Protein backbone atom coordinates (compact mmCIF):
# COMPACT_ATOMS: atom_id res chain seq x y z
CA MET A 1 47.63 -142.77 -119.59
CA GLN A 2 45.15 -142.21 -116.87
CA ARG A 3 45.19 -138.83 -115.13
CA LEU A 4 44.13 -137.67 -111.74
CA SER A 5 40.62 -136.27 -111.68
CA GLY A 6 38.40 -134.91 -108.66
CA ARG A 7 36.94 -138.37 -108.64
CA ASP A 8 40.14 -139.82 -107.33
CA VAL A 9 40.60 -137.31 -104.52
CA GLU A 10 39.71 -138.63 -100.86
CA ALA A 11 39.43 -136.42 -97.99
CA ARG A 12 40.02 -137.63 -94.38
CA MET A 13 39.93 -135.82 -90.94
CA ALA A 14 42.85 -136.75 -88.50
CA GLY A 15 41.70 -140.14 -87.16
CA GLY A 16 40.85 -141.45 -90.50
CA THR A 17 37.28 -140.19 -90.68
CA ARG A 18 36.44 -139.91 -94.53
CA ILE A 19 34.48 -136.82 -95.66
CA ALA A 20 32.52 -137.44 -98.98
CA PHE A 21 32.63 -134.19 -100.64
CA GLU A 22 31.07 -132.90 -103.95
CA GLN A 23 33.76 -130.20 -104.29
CA ALA A 24 36.54 -129.05 -102.18
CA THR A 25 38.65 -125.90 -102.49
CA LEU A 26 41.82 -124.81 -100.46
CA ASP A 27 42.83 -121.28 -101.40
CA LEU A 28 46.52 -120.29 -100.08
CA ASP A 29 47.97 -116.83 -100.07
CA ASP A 30 51.88 -116.59 -99.60
CA GLY A 31 51.60 -112.95 -98.73
CA ILE A 32 54.44 -111.88 -100.98
CA VAL A 33 54.19 -108.42 -102.48
CA ALA A 34 56.62 -106.49 -104.75
CA THR A 35 58.35 -103.49 -103.28
CA GLN A 36 59.15 -100.33 -104.99
CA SER A 37 61.63 -97.57 -105.31
CA GLN A 38 60.79 -94.31 -106.85
CA GLY A 39 57.83 -95.98 -108.56
CA TYR A 40 59.60 -99.12 -109.80
CA PRO A 41 59.76 -102.68 -108.64
CA TYR A 42 62.53 -103.33 -106.43
CA GLY A 43 62.52 -106.66 -105.00
CA TRP A 44 59.91 -108.20 -102.90
CA VAL A 45 58.96 -108.92 -99.16
CA GLY A 46 57.10 -111.66 -97.52
CA GLY A 47 53.64 -111.06 -95.92
CA PRO A 48 50.83 -112.86 -93.92
CA VAL A 49 50.63 -116.48 -95.01
CA LYS A 50 47.01 -117.44 -95.01
CA GLY A 51 44.78 -120.47 -96.11
CA GLU A 52 41.10 -120.97 -96.41
CA GLY A 53 38.72 -123.20 -98.23
CA GLU A 54 35.31 -124.67 -98.55
CA LEU A 55 33.96 -128.25 -98.62
CA GLN A 56 30.81 -128.75 -100.54
CA VAL A 57 28.85 -131.78 -99.04
CA HIS A 58 25.45 -133.38 -99.12
CA THR A 59 23.25 -133.55 -96.16
CA GLU A 60 24.27 -136.84 -94.82
CA GLN A 61 27.87 -135.63 -94.44
CA LEU A 62 26.74 -132.33 -92.97
CA LEU A 63 24.74 -134.27 -90.31
CA LEU A 64 27.83 -136.49 -89.58
CA LEU A 65 29.91 -133.09 -89.06
CA ASN A 66 26.94 -131.81 -86.90
CA GLN A 67 27.40 -134.84 -84.74
CA GLU A 68 30.88 -133.89 -83.87
CA ALA A 69 29.75 -130.16 -83.32
CA ALA A 70 27.08 -131.49 -80.68
CA LEU A 71 29.83 -133.38 -78.84
CA ALA A 72 31.83 -130.57 -78.81
CA GLY A 73 28.94 -128.15 -77.84
CA SER A 74 28.40 -126.19 -80.90
CA TRP A 75 30.09 -125.61 -84.28
CA GLU A 76 31.99 -122.84 -82.87
CA GLU A 77 33.38 -124.98 -80.08
CA MET A 78 34.66 -127.68 -82.32
CA ALA A 79 38.46 -128.24 -81.96
CA THR A 80 40.58 -127.91 -85.12
CA ILE A 81 41.53 -130.92 -87.15
CA ASP A 82 43.94 -131.70 -89.80
CA LEU A 83 42.54 -132.42 -93.19
CA SER A 84 44.24 -134.55 -95.94
CA PHE A 85 43.30 -134.93 -99.47
CA TYR A 86 44.90 -137.94 -101.21
CA ALA A 87 44.73 -139.31 -104.73
CA LYS A 88 46.89 -142.02 -106.57
CA VAL A 89 46.60 -143.09 -110.01
CA GLY A 90 49.27 -145.41 -111.38
CA ASP A 91 52.62 -143.98 -110.40
CA LEU A 92 51.07 -140.16 -110.04
CA GLU A 93 50.42 -139.50 -106.42
CA LEU A 94 48.97 -136.16 -104.86
CA HIS A 95 48.86 -135.74 -101.09
CA VAL A 96 47.72 -132.28 -99.71
CA GLU A 97 47.79 -131.70 -96.05
CA ALA A 98 46.26 -128.75 -93.99
CA PHE A 99 47.09 -128.59 -90.45
CA GLY A 100 44.88 -126.88 -87.76
CA VAL A 101 41.74 -126.43 -89.96
CA LYS A 102 39.08 -124.69 -88.14
CA LEU A 103 35.56 -125.54 -89.64
CA ARG A 104 33.33 -122.59 -89.70
CA MET A 105 29.39 -122.68 -89.37
CA PRO A 106 27.71 -124.20 -92.54
CA ASN A 107 25.92 -122.28 -95.28
CA PHE A 108 22.71 -123.76 -96.53
CA ASP A 109 21.36 -123.57 -100.13
CA PHE A 110 17.92 -125.10 -100.48
CA LYS A 111 16.60 -125.09 -104.44
CA GLY A 112 12.74 -125.07 -104.41
CA ASP A 113 12.44 -126.61 -107.74
CA GLY A 114 14.25 -129.96 -106.83
CA GLY A 115 15.79 -132.19 -109.18
CA GLU A 116 19.20 -132.45 -107.53
CA LYS A 117 20.26 -133.24 -104.03
CA THR A 118 20.64 -130.39 -101.42
CA MET A 119 24.24 -129.27 -100.88
CA HIS A 120 25.77 -127.44 -98.10
CA THR A 121 28.97 -125.38 -98.02
CA VAL A 122 31.27 -125.70 -94.79
CA ARG A 123 34.00 -123.12 -94.99
CA PHE A 124 37.15 -123.32 -93.07
CA ILE A 125 40.54 -121.75 -92.43
CA VAL A 126 44.11 -122.99 -91.95
CA SER A 127 45.24 -122.08 -88.33
CA SER A 128 48.32 -124.13 -87.57
CA PRO A 129 51.79 -122.74 -88.22
CA ASP A 130 52.54 -126.23 -89.69
CA PHE A 131 50.18 -124.75 -92.52
CA VAL A 132 49.79 -126.97 -95.65
CA ARG A 133 52.14 -129.62 -97.29
CA LEU A 134 52.00 -130.98 -100.75
CA ASN A 135 53.32 -134.62 -100.92
CA GLY A 136 55.17 -133.84 -97.59
CA THR A 137 56.89 -130.55 -98.78
CA PRO A 138 55.84 -127.64 -96.73
CA LEU A 139 54.23 -124.90 -98.75
CA ALA A 140 55.42 -122.10 -96.20
CA ARG A 141 58.43 -121.79 -94.00
CA ARG A 142 57.60 -122.41 -90.55
CA VAL A 143 58.54 -119.19 -88.22
CA ALA A 144 59.19 -119.99 -84.66
CA GLY A 145 56.47 -118.73 -82.39
């Protein structure tokens, strides 16, 4: 039986623009911490929910994102986007949606010896109260704001 691999995952921005990436990460923190009473665990409380990640892209993809930044005036002025990661193999389907993604300025990593294509890291944060969904299910409850 075929399983999902990173090769099956496709990333798209809202509006359908495809982002070809070499590696993508989305790190989430639900902010839950244990409480204590007299030095012993005694339940838990919710804390700040946050999400952040990275897209590792090759130069051509970075320059496509740079065109979007130029239209906005700068990388810092780019509007937030919704980012969707989707894969389907047979009956197995994975759809991760991150809302209000704010792309940050890219990092550059140039290797002097060559032998591989130049990669760039674009970090991002998740800034919408809609946060992240997995196959349509919210990963965090939305608090009225």
